[in-house]
Amino acid sequence: MKKFRNKIIVALTGVMLLGTTSCEKFYDINQDPANIKDAPLQQLLTSATVNVGFMGGSDLLRYSSLISQQFSGQSPGAETQQQQYEKYLISGSDVNNIWSNIYATTLTDLDLIISKSNAANSPHYAGVAKLLKAYIYQVAVDTWGNIPYSEAHKYTANLAPKYDTAESIYTSLITLIDEAIVNLNAGTSTLSPGANSTIYSGSFTTTRANWIKFANTLKLRIFLHYSEQNAAFATSRMNQLIASNATFFAANADNFEMPFQITAGAQNPIFQFETGSRKLNLVANKTLVDMMNTKVDPRRATYFTTVNGAYVGAVGGAASNPTIYSMIHTYLKGTTGEAPVRLLTFAEYNFIRAEAALRFGVTGNAQTFFEEGIKASMAAAGVSAADVTTYLAANGTLTGTNDNKLKQIIEEKFVASYGVMIEPWTDWRRTGYPSITKPSNAVVDYIPRSLFYPQSEIDLNPSNVTQKAGMNVRVFWDTKQ
């Protein structure tokens, strides 16, 4: 069974890698991908989980990591796309493929799983699909704001879906996650996910607990984002969830992540892009590297390569010379492509709890969760126990005003969330931390707060969407600055 699963992963990863290149064309949300409607549940779930994993290591990761200054674009010659993105030259056409992969591929597969699960009396499949759907929509809202939700995936019945408000979608996602938990806890299910899921792969009697922990931890992430819009609501719901004895991530083994392999074609997408013929020339960003250098952070050894024994980050607009900067290292790529793509982690869970306790009085001790977040990140990066102790002694205590403490929490979360799609950018938009400044060659006078809608939507769905005036248009929870 394992060999069979690996063959599926190899085949699908090859397809999905093609799907991330700028020259490929896909079905749009406004078109009917009828050719996949007859696929069995097992195949659909494999496809969906692979798509989610590759999404976490592809375009949205690069855009958000360049904007939030974890990555920097470099080139040995002519300006590359990554350098253009870093100076905020990101157009509607640049996000056509992301949008198509989300709506016409991943979400379509997930809706088919839900529909087929209901018909086949297989609620366990429906529960997993609903959780993946909630995760994808949460990321999409945080990227664009208002997007199609209630009228999406109607095929020929509605080729021009309306755009729901981002806030209403967030509220709906909580209901969707609650439905998923009920499905996952169903006593009987004709079919249950197993090795065909590439995320939390294995017997459902074991992985059910992982999916439920993910569901509750994802709700905490959504509530924390929502707190910028309505702190009282978010605080009440977080306290209610915690008091319900819900299970959350309790170790790095619970991470919502996509594992990869050393087999050609089944390797981590960051590794494949950085070592293949379309090498992206991404390097470490000075903002992240300097923050870690100041603290002599032991995670640097797996986060970055060294240059003459030092860790050196680049800034946007710097002269092209990638050889003088630290490159992305094994934490994100693995040695030969085996590193996972991390989507929601135990470290993030702890920093969510630390921030919620500090700012809103949510149940829990901010200091304890702050330390546990650092420990979880250090363990994931392979840091020794002695080095963790040394680091915590110097940097592991929250001090000063509440704003000083928030800055500490978010900056440590920023380091721990290296390679997590969207979230470091979201934290900066929510809190203003860490402090980042525009590249010297930025093409606009602001740091982006959302992405343009895809040009394909402007062309095909003009009755429901017009292009944003700029990427300074804010998502509904982005209210503080």
Protein backbone atom coordinates (compact mmCIF):
# COMPACT_ATOMS: atom_id res chain seq x y z
CA MET A 1 0.00 0.00 0.00
CA LYS A 2 2.84 2.36 0.82
CA LYS A 3 4.48 1.77 -2.57
CA PHE A 4 1.15 2.38 -4.28
CA ARG A 5 0.66 5.63 -2.36
CA ASN A 6 4.16 6.76 -3.25
CA LYS A 7 3.51 6.15 -6.94
CA ILE A 8 0.38 8.30 -6.72
CA ILE A 9 2.29 11.06 -4.98
CA VAL A 10 5.07 10.99 -7.57
CA ALA A 11 2.59 11.22 -10.44
CA LEU A 12 0.55 13.98 -8.89
CA THR A 13 3.49 16.06 -7.70
CA GLY A 14 4.78 16.15 -11.25
CA VAL A 15 1.42 17.45 -12.44
CA MET A 16 1.20 20.02 -9.67
CA LEU A 17 4.69 21.33 -10.29
CA LEU A 18 3.66 22.08 -13.84
CA GLY A 19 0.67 23.86 -12.37
CA THR A 20 2.87 26.39 -10.60
CA THR A 21 4.69 27.66 -13.68
CA SER A 22 3.57 30.92 -15.21
CA CYS A 23 3.09 29.50 -18.71
CA GLU A 24 0.51 26.83 -17.82
CA LYS A 25 -3.23 27.39 -18.31
CA PHE A 26 -5.95 26.00 -16.10
CA TYR A 27 -9.71 25.89 -15.86
CA ASP A 28 -11.05 29.04 -14.28
CA ILE A 29 -13.58 29.22 -11.47
CA ASN A 30 -16.06 30.32 -14.15
CA GLN A 31 -15.57 27.16 -16.21
CA ASP A 32 -16.79 23.61 -15.67
CA PRO A 33 -14.02 21.03 -14.99
CA ALA A 34 -16.42 18.14 -15.70
CA ASN A 35 -13.63 15.75 -16.55
CA ILE A 36 -12.91 15.01 -12.87
CA LYS A 37 -16.45 14.40 -11.63
CA ASP A 38 -16.25 10.59 -11.76
CA ALA A 39 -13.03 10.13 -9.75
CA PRO A 40 -13.37 7.91 -6.65
CA LEU A 41 -13.13 9.34 -3.14
CA GLN A 42 -9.69 7.87 -2.55
CA GLN A 43 -8.20 9.47 -5.65
CA LEU A 44 -9.88 12.81 -5.00
CA LEU A 45 -8.47 12.98 -1.47
CA THR A 46 -4.97 12.14 -2.65
CA SER A 47 -5.20 14.90 -5.25
CA ALA A 48 -6.62 17.39 -2.75
CA THR A 49 -4.00 16.81 -0.06
CA VAL A 50 -1.16 16.94 -2.58
CA ASN A 51 -2.59 20.21 -3.94
CA VAL A 52 -2.77 21.69 -0.44
CA GLY A 53 0.82 20.66 0.26
CA PHE A 54 2.16 22.13 -2.97
CA MET A 55 0.14 25.29 -2.48
CA GLY A 56 1.93 25.77 0.84
CA GLY A 57 5.33 25.61 -0.84
CA SER A 58 4.64 27.54 -4.04
CA ASP A 59 3.45 30.96 -5.23
CA LEU A 60 1.58 32.19 -2.15
CA LEU A 61 4.50 31.22 0.06
CA ARG A 62 6.89 33.17 -2.15
CA TYR A 63 4.72 36.28 -2.46
CA SER A 64 3.98 36.44 1.26
CA SER A 65 7.56 35.59 2.33
CA LEU A 66 9.01 38.25 0.02
CA ILE A 67 6.54 40.86 1.27
CA SER A 68 7.06 39.98 4.95
CA GLN A 69 10.84 39.88 4.38
CA GLN A 70 11.71 36.30 5.19
CA PHE A 71 12.92 35.71 1.61
CA SER A 72 14.71 38.06 -0.76
CA GLY A 73 15.03 37.79 -4.53
CA GLN A 74 18.47 37.69 -6.13
CA SER A 75 19.94 36.97 -9.54
CA PRO A 76 23.32 36.34 -11.12
CA GLY A 77 22.23 38.46 -14.08
CA ALA A 78 19.00 39.99 -15.35
CA GLU A 79 16.23 40.84 -12.92
CA THR A 80 14.14 37.80 -11.98
CA GLN A 81 10.45 37.46 -11.18
CA GLN A 82 11.32 37.11 -7.49
CA GLN A 83 13.07 40.49 -7.54
CA GLN A 84 10.03 42.00 -9.24
CA TYR A 85 7.70 40.53 -6.64
CA GLU A 86 9.93 41.81 -3.84
CA LYS A 87 9.58 45.37 -5.14
CA TYR A 88 5.80 44.77 -5.21
CA LEU A 89 5.50 44.39 -8.96
CA ILE A 90 2.75 41.77 -8.59
CA SER A 91 -0.08 42.03 -11.12
CA GLY A 92 -3.46 40.38 -11.50
CA SER A 93 -2.00 38.11 -14.17
CA ASP A 94 0.63 36.88 -11.72
CA VAL A 95 -2.06 35.35 -9.49
CA ASN A 96 -4.19 33.71 -12.23
CA ASN A 97 -2.67 30.29 -11.61
CA ILE A 98 -2.95 30.47 -7.82
CA TRP A 99 -6.63 31.33 -8.09
CA SER A 100 -7.31 28.62 -10.66
CA ASN A 101 -5.50 25.98 -8.63
CA ILE A 102 -7.49 26.96 -5.54
CA TYR A 103 -10.93 27.15 -7.11
CA ALA A 104 -10.93 24.92 -10.18
CA THR A 105 -8.73 22.18 -8.74
CA THR A 106 -8.44 21.97 -4.96
CA LEU A 107 -11.82 23.33 -3.85
CA THR A 108 -13.57 21.51 -6.69
CA ASP A 109 -12.02 18.22 -5.54
CA LEU A 110 -13.05 18.95 -1.96
CA ASP A 111 -16.65 19.75 -2.87
CA LEU A 112 -16.81 16.54 -4.90
CA ILE A 113 -15.50 14.59 -1.90
CA ILE A 114 -18.18 16.12 0.32
CA SER A 115 -20.93 15.34 -2.20
CA LYS A 116 -19.72 11.81 -2.86
CA SER A 117 -19.20 11.16 0.86
CA ASN A 118 -22.78 12.06 1.63
CA ALA A 119 -24.03 9.74 -1.12
CA ALA A 120 -21.73 6.91 0.02
CA ASN A 121 -22.50 7.23 3.76
CA SER A 122 -18.84 8.09 4.42
CA PRO A 123 -18.86 11.05 6.84
CA HIS A 124 -15.19 10.62 7.73
CA TYR A 125 -14.24 11.66 4.20
CA ALA A 126 -16.64 14.60 4.40
CA GLY A 127 -15.07 15.73 7.67
CA VAL A 128 -11.55 15.77 6.26
CA ALA A 129 -12.70 17.57 3.09
CA LYS A 130 -14.53 20.23 5.08
CA LEU A 131 -11.45 20.92 7.18
CA LEU A 132 -9.25 21.26 4.11
CA LYS A 133 -11.88 23.51 2.53
CA ALA A 134 -11.98 25.73 5.64
CA TYR A 135 -8.19 26.00 5.64
CA ILE A 136 -8.03 26.94 1.95
CA TYR A 137 -10.74 29.58 2.32
CA GLN A 138 -9.07 31.05 5.39
CA VAL A 139 -5.84 31.48 3.43
CA ALA A 140 -7.70 32.87 0.40
CA VAL A 141 -9.60 35.44 2.49
CA ASP A 142 -6.35 36.55 4.12
CA THR A 143 -4.82 36.94 0.66
CA TRP A 144 -7.59 38.73 -1.25
CA GLY A 145 -10.40 39.75 1.13
CA ASN A 146 -13.85 39.36 -0.43
CA ILE A 147 -14.00 36.26 -2.65
CA PRO A 148 -16.61 33.84 -4.07
CA TYR A 149 -17.89 31.42 -1.43
CA SER A 150 -21.63 30.77 -1.26
CA GLU A 151 -22.07 30.59 -5.05
CA ALA A 152 -18.73 28.97 -5.91
CA HIS A 153 -18.57 25.49 -7.51
CA LYS A 154 -22.04 25.56 -9.05
CA TYR A 155 -20.57 24.59 -12.43
CA THR A 156 -22.81 25.55 -15.37
CA ALA A 157 -25.58 26.58 -12.96
CA ASN A 158 -23.57 29.71 -12.13
CA LEU A 159 -20.53 30.73 -14.14
CA ALA A 160 -20.34 34.16 -12.48
CA PRO A 161 -20.42 33.61 -8.69
CA LYS A 162 -20.95 36.58 -6.42
CA TYR A 163 -18.25 37.78 -4.05
CA ASP A 164 -19.12 37.24 -0.39
CA THR A 165 -17.73 39.58 2.23
CA ALA A 166 -14.57 38.32 3.87
CA GLU A 167 -16.08 38.67 7.34
CA SER A 168 -19.14 36.59 6.46
CA ILE A 169 -16.88 33.88 5.04
CA TYR A 170 -14.81 33.79 8.24
CA THR A 171 -18.00 33.31 10.25
CA SER A 172 -19.14 30.54 7.90
CA LEU A 173 -15.82 28.75 8.25
CA ILE A 174 -16.37 28.25 11.97
CA THR A 175 -19.67 26.52 11.18
CA LEU A 176 -17.96 24.45 8.50
CA ILE A 177 -15.26 23.31 10.93
CA ASP A 178 -17.87 22.38 13.54
CA GLU A 179 -19.67 20.29 10.92
CA ALA A 180 -16.38 18.63 10.06
CA ILE A 181 -15.77 17.63 13.68
CA VAL A 182 -19.22 16.03 13.84
CA ASN A 183 -18.44 14.11 10.64
CA LEU A 184 -15.06 12.97 11.94
CA ASN A 185 -16.62 11.71 15.16
CA ALA A 186 -19.28 9.68 13.35
CA GLY A 187 -19.46 6.15 14.73
CA THR A 188 -19.83 4.52 11.35
CA SER A 189 -18.47 5.42 7.93
CA THR A 190 -18.53 3.11 4.92
CA LEU A 191 -15.15 4.48 3.82
CA SER A 192 -12.54 6.27 5.90
CA PRO A 193 -9.38 8.10 4.79
CA GLY A 194 -6.16 6.14 5.18
CA ALA A 195 -2.85 6.02 3.34
CA ASN A 196 -4.48 7.78 0.39
CA SER A 197 -4.31 11.04 2.34
CA THR A 198 -0.83 12.52 2.01
CA ILE A 199 -1.46 14.68 5.10
CA TYR A 200 -2.02 12.72 8.35
CA SER A 201 -1.56 9.54 6.38
CA GLY A 202 -2.38 6.24 8.04
CA SER A 203 -5.18 4.38 9.74
CA PHE A 204 -8.12 6.65 10.49
CA THR A 205 -8.45 5.15 13.96
CA THR A 206 -5.17 6.94 14.69
CA THR A 207 -5.34 10.00 12.43
CA ARG A 208 -8.87 11.01 13.45
CA ALA A 209 -7.33 12.60 16.55
CA ASN A 210 -4.87 14.56 14.38
CA TRP A 211 -7.65 15.94 12.20
CA ILE A 212 -9.69 17.01 15.24
CA LYS A 213 -6.68 18.73 16.82
CA PHE A 214 -6.11 20.52 13.53
CA ALA A 215 -9.77 21.59 13.42
CA ASN A 216 -9.65 23.19 16.86
CA THR A 217 -6.25 24.81 16.31
CA LEU A 218 -7.44 26.27 13.00
CA LYS A 219 -10.43 27.76 14.82
CA LEU A 220 -8.04 29.48 17.24
CA ARG A 221 -6.11 30.96 14.31
CA ILE A 222 -9.34 32.28 12.78
CA PHE A 223 -10.53 33.73 16.09
CA LEU A 224 -7.18 35.46 16.65
CA HIS A 225 -7.37 37.09 13.23
CA TYR A 226 -10.99 38.06 13.90
CA SER A 227 -10.00 39.72 17.19
CA GLU A 228 -8.77 42.79 15.31
CA GLN A 229 -12.34 43.33 14.10
CA ASN A 230 -14.26 42.20 17.19
CA ALA A 231 -12.11 41.43 20.22
CA ALA A 232 -15.03 40.64 22.53
CA PHE A 233 -16.47 38.05 20.14
CA ALA A 234 -13.09 36.41 19.50
CA THR A 235 -12.23 36.33 23.22
CA SER A 236 -15.56 34.78 24.13
CA ARG A 237 -15.29 32.11 21.46
CA MET A 238 -11.68 31.23 22.31
CA ASN A 239 -12.50 30.89 26.00
CA GLN A 240 -15.55 28.81 25.14
CA LEU A 241 -13.52 26.52 22.91
CA ILE A 242 -10.77 26.04 25.50
CA ALA A 243 -13.31 25.40 28.29
CA SER A 244 -15.00 22.72 26.16
CA ASN A 245 -11.99 20.43 26.65
CA ALA A 246 -11.31 20.55 22.93
CA THR A 247 -8.02 18.97 21.88
CA PHE A 248 -5.35 21.13 20.24
CA PHE A 249 -1.88 20.51 18.87
CA ALA A 250 0.23 19.09 21.70
CA ALA A 251 3.52 18.31 19.94
CA ASN A 252 5.32 18.88 16.65
CA ALA A 253 4.01 15.49 15.54
CA ASP A 254 0.57 17.09 15.38
CA ASN A 255 1.65 19.73 12.83
CA PHE A 256 -0.62 20.21 9.85
CA GLU A 257 2.03 19.67 7.21
CA MET A 258 2.72 17.82 3.97
CA PRO A 259 5.63 15.35 4.08
CA PHE A 260 7.83 14.86 1.04
CA GLN A 261 10.35 12.29 -0.14
CA ILE A 262 13.80 12.07 -1.66
CA THR A 263 12.36 10.40 -4.78
CA ALA A 264 12.62 12.56 -7.90
CA GLY A 265 9.27 14.23 -8.55
CA ALA A 266 8.07 13.64 -4.98
CA GLN A 267 10.41 16.15 -3.39
CA ASN A 268 9.60 19.33 -1.53
CA PRO A 269 8.53 22.01 -4.05
CA ILE A 270 10.92 24.60 -2.60
CA PHE A 271 13.78 22.16 -3.17
CA GLN A 272 12.61 21.41 -6.69
CA PHE A 273 12.33 25.06 -7.62
CA GLU A 274 15.67 25.95 -6.07
CA THR A 275 17.60 23.09 -7.69
CA GLY A 276 15.79 22.72 -11.02
CA SER A 277 16.25 24.40 -14.37
CA ARG A 278 13.89 27.23 -13.35
CA LYS A 279 15.99 28.13 -10.30
CA LEU A 280 14.33 31.00 -8.45
CA ASN A 281 17.44 32.46 -6.77
CA LEU A 282 15.74 33.07 -3.45
CA VAL A 283 18.03 34.01 -0.57
CA ALA A 284 17.53 34.82 3.09
CA ASN A 285 16.22 38.29 3.87
CA LYS A 286 18.19 40.69 6.02
CA THR A 287 15.18 41.42 8.27
CA LEU A 288 14.94 37.79 9.40
CA VAL A 289 18.68 37.08 9.43
CA ASP A 290 19.59 40.18 11.43
CA MET A 291 16.85 39.45 13.96
CA MET A 292 18.33 35.98 14.47
CA ASN A 293 21.95 37.14 14.41
CA THR A 294 21.28 39.62 17.20
CA LYS A 295 20.14 36.75 19.43
CA VAL A 296 22.76 34.26 18.18
CA ASP A 297 19.81 32.07 17.29
CA PRO A 298 20.83 28.40 16.95
CA ARG A 299 18.09 27.79 14.34
CA ARG A 300 20.24 29.62 11.81
CA ALA A 301 22.25 26.44 11.20
CA THR A 302 19.30 24.74 9.48
CA TYR A 303 17.47 27.85 8.30
CA PHE A 304 20.32 29.33 6.22
CA THR A 305 23.61 28.48 4.59
CA THR A 306 26.70 30.44 5.62
CA VAL A 307 28.88 32.81 3.62
CA ASN A 308 32.49 32.74 4.87
CA GLY A 309 31.19 31.46 8.20
CA ALA A 310 28.55 34.18 8.59
CA TYR A 311 24.79 34.41 8.07
CA VAL A 312 24.07 37.25 5.64
CA GLY A 313 20.65 38.45 4.45
CA ALA A 314 19.79 40.57 1.41
CA VAL A 315 17.49 43.55 1.11
CA GLY A 316 15.15 44.29 -1.75
CA GLY A 317 16.80 46.44 -4.40
CA ALA A 318 20.34 45.29 -3.58
CA ALA A 319 22.70 44.80 -6.51
CA SER A 320 22.50 41.33 -8.02
CA ASN A 321 25.06 38.97 -6.52
CA PRO A 322 23.44 35.91 -4.91
CA THR A 323 26.80 34.37 -3.95
CA ILE A 324 27.31 36.86 -1.10
CA TYR A 325 24.06 35.97 0.69
CA SER A 326 22.86 33.02 2.73
CA MET A 327 20.58 30.66 0.86
CA ILE A 328 17.51 28.75 2.02
CA HIS A 329 18.76 25.65 3.83
CA THR A 330 17.62 22.23 5.02
CA TYR A 331 14.79 23.36 7.33
CA LEU A 332 12.71 24.34 4.31
CA LYS A 333 14.24 22.12 1.61
CA GLY A 334 15.69 19.08 3.32
CA THR A 335 19.00 17.63 2.19
CA THR A 336 17.55 16.12 -0.97
CA GLY A 337 13.99 17.44 -0.93
CA GLU A 338 12.53 15.55 2.04
CA ALA A 339 11.58 18.55 4.23
CA PRO A 340 7.85 18.95 4.91
CA VAL A 341 5.83 21.97 3.91
CA ARG A 342 4.53 23.35 7.20
CA LEU A 343 1.02 24.84 7.07
CA LEU A 344 -0.06 25.20 10.72
CA THR A 345 2.30 24.19 13.51
CA PHE A 346 2.46 23.39 17.22
CA ALA A 347 4.77 26.39 17.60
CA GLU A 348 2.13 28.66 16.06
CA TYR A 349 -0.52 27.21 18.38
CA ASN A 350 1.57 28.22 21.40
CA PHE A 351 2.15 31.74 20.10
CA ILE A 352 -1.59 32.09 19.41
CA ARG A 353 -2.29 31.15 23.02
CA ALA A 354 0.43 33.50 24.29
CA GLU A 355 -0.93 36.46 22.34
CA ALA A 356 -4.55 35.68 23.23
CA ALA A 357 -3.70 35.47 26.94
CA LEU A 358 -1.64 38.68 26.87
CA ARG A 359 -3.98 40.88 24.87
CA PHE A 360 -7.43 39.55 25.65
CA GLY A 361 -7.17 37.67 28.93
CA VAL A 362 -7.98 34.37 27.23
CA THR A 363 -7.44 31.36 29.48
CA GLY A 364 -3.76 30.48 29.83
CA ASN A 365 -0.42 31.98 30.84
CA ALA A 366 1.25 34.10 28.17
CA GLN A 367 4.75 33.44 29.50
CA THR A 368 4.29 29.67 29.53
CA PHE A 369 2.92 29.52 25.99
CA PHE A 370 5.63 31.92 24.79
CA GLU A 371 8.34 29.58 26.06
CA GLU A 372 6.60 26.51 24.67
CA GLY A 373 6.36 28.15 21.25
CA ILE A 374 10.11 28.77 21.21
CA LYS A 375 10.83 25.22 22.37
CA ALA A 376 8.59 23.72 19.70
CA SER A 377 10.28 25.75 16.96
CA MET A 378 13.75 24.87 18.24
CA ALA A 379 12.89 21.17 18.31
CA ALA A 380 11.56 21.31 14.74
CA ALA A 381 14.84 22.92 13.66
CA GLY A 382 16.92 20.21 15.34
CA VAL A 383 18.43 22.44 18.04
CA SER A 384 20.09 20.68 20.99
CA ALA A 385 18.55 20.85 24.46
CA ALA A 386 21.58 22.75 25.78
CA ASP A 387 21.30 25.40 23.09
CA VAL A 388 17.56 25.74 23.75
CA THR A 389 18.28 26.33 27.46
CA THR A 390 20.89 28.97 26.63
CA TYR A 391 18.56 30.74 24.19
CA LEU A 392 15.63 30.77 26.63
CA ALA A 393 17.82 32.17 29.40
CA ALA A 394 18.68 35.13 27.19
CA ASN A 395 15.45 35.60 25.20
CA GLY A 396 12.67 33.54 26.77
CA THR A 397 11.13 35.94 29.27
CA LEU A 398 8.41 38.44 28.39
CA THR A 399 9.28 41.86 29.82
CA GLY A 400 8.12 45.48 29.75
CA THR A 401 4.75 46.86 28.71
CA ASN A 402 2.11 44.72 27.08
CA ASP A 403 3.12 46.21 23.74
CA ASN A 404 6.76 45.26 24.43
CA LYS A 405 5.59 41.73 25.22
CA LEU A 406 3.45 41.57 22.09
CA LYS A 407 6.48 42.59 20.05
CA GLN A 408 8.48 39.76 21.61
CA ILE A 409 5.73 37.22 20.91
CA ILE A 410 5.25 38.21 17.29
CA GLU A 411 8.97 38.44 16.56
CA GLU A 412 9.55 34.95 17.96
CA LYS A 413 6.51 33.74 16.03
CA PHE A 414 7.97 35.36 12.90
CA VAL A 415 11.14 33.29 13.29
CA ALA A 416 9.22 30.12 14.14
CA SER A 417 6.88 30.62 11.15
CA TYR A 418 9.71 30.67 8.63
CA GLY A 419 8.28 28.99 5.55
CA VAL A 420 4.65 29.04 6.73
CA MET A 421 2.49 30.43 3.93
CA ILE A 422 0.80 33.82 4.57
CA GLU A 423 0.86 33.85 8.39
CA PRO A 424 3.96 36.04 8.98
CA TRP A 425 2.50 38.59 6.53
CA THR A 426 -0.84 38.36 8.33
CA ASP A 427 0.80 38.95 11.72
CA TRP A 428 2.56 42.06 10.40
CA ARG A 429 -0.72 43.36 9.01
CA ARG A 430 -2.51 42.66 12.30
CA THR A 431 0.09 43.94 14.75
CA GLY A 432 2.76 45.95 12.92
CA TYR A 433 5.44 43.48 14.07
CA PRO A 434 8.12 42.81 13.11
CA SER A 435 9.06 46.23 11.81
CA ILE A 436 9.64 46.14 8.06
CA THR A 437 10.32 48.91 5.55
CA LYS A 438 9.74 49.11 1.80
CA PRO A 439 12.59 48.04 -0.49
CA SER A 440 14.52 50.94 -1.98
CA ASN A 441 13.19 50.10 -5.45
CA ALA A 442 9.54 49.53 -4.47
CA VAL A 443 7.16 50.43 -7.29
CA VAL A 444 4.44 51.67 -4.90
CA ASP A 445 4.61 53.83 -1.79
CA TYR A 446 3.14 51.24 0.58
CA ILE A 447 3.74 47.68 1.74
CA PRO A 448 1.03 45.43 0.24
CA ARG A 449 -1.85 44.45 2.50
CA SER A 450 -3.63 42.14 0.02
CA LEU A 451 -3.05 40.89 -3.51
CA PHE A 452 -4.77 42.02 -6.69
CA TYR A 453 -7.63 39.87 -7.93
CA PRO A 454 -6.60 37.61 -10.82
CA GLN A 455 -6.97 39.11 -14.26
CA SER A 456 -8.95 36.03 -15.28
CA GLU A 457 -11.69 37.02 -12.82
CA ILE A 458 -11.77 40.61 -14.06
CA ASP A 459 -12.18 39.27 -17.60
CA LEU A 460 -14.68 36.49 -16.89
CA ASN A 461 -16.71 37.74 -13.94
CA PRO A 462 -16.97 41.53 -14.45
CA SER A 463 -20.52 41.73 -13.10
CA ASN A 464 -19.31 40.71 -9.64
CA VAL A 465 -15.77 42.01 -9.29
CA THR A 466 -13.68 45.01 -10.27
CA GLN A 467 -9.95 45.26 -9.83
CA LYS A 468 -8.62 46.81 -6.64
CA ALA A 469 -7.17 50.31 -6.88
CA GLY A 470 -4.03 48.91 -5.28
CA MET A 471 -2.59 46.26 -3.02
CA ASN A 472 -3.10 48.64 -0.09
CA VAL A 473 -6.76 47.54 0.09
CA ARG A 474 -7.17 45.88 3.48
CA VAL A 475 -8.73 42.59 4.53
CA PHE A 476 -11.60 43.12 7.00
CA TRP A 477 -9.54 42.26 10.10
CA ASP A 478 -6.67 44.58 9.06
CA THR A 479 -7.74 47.59 11.14
CA LYS A 480 -4.89 48.68 13.42
CA GLN A 481 -2.47 50.72 11.34
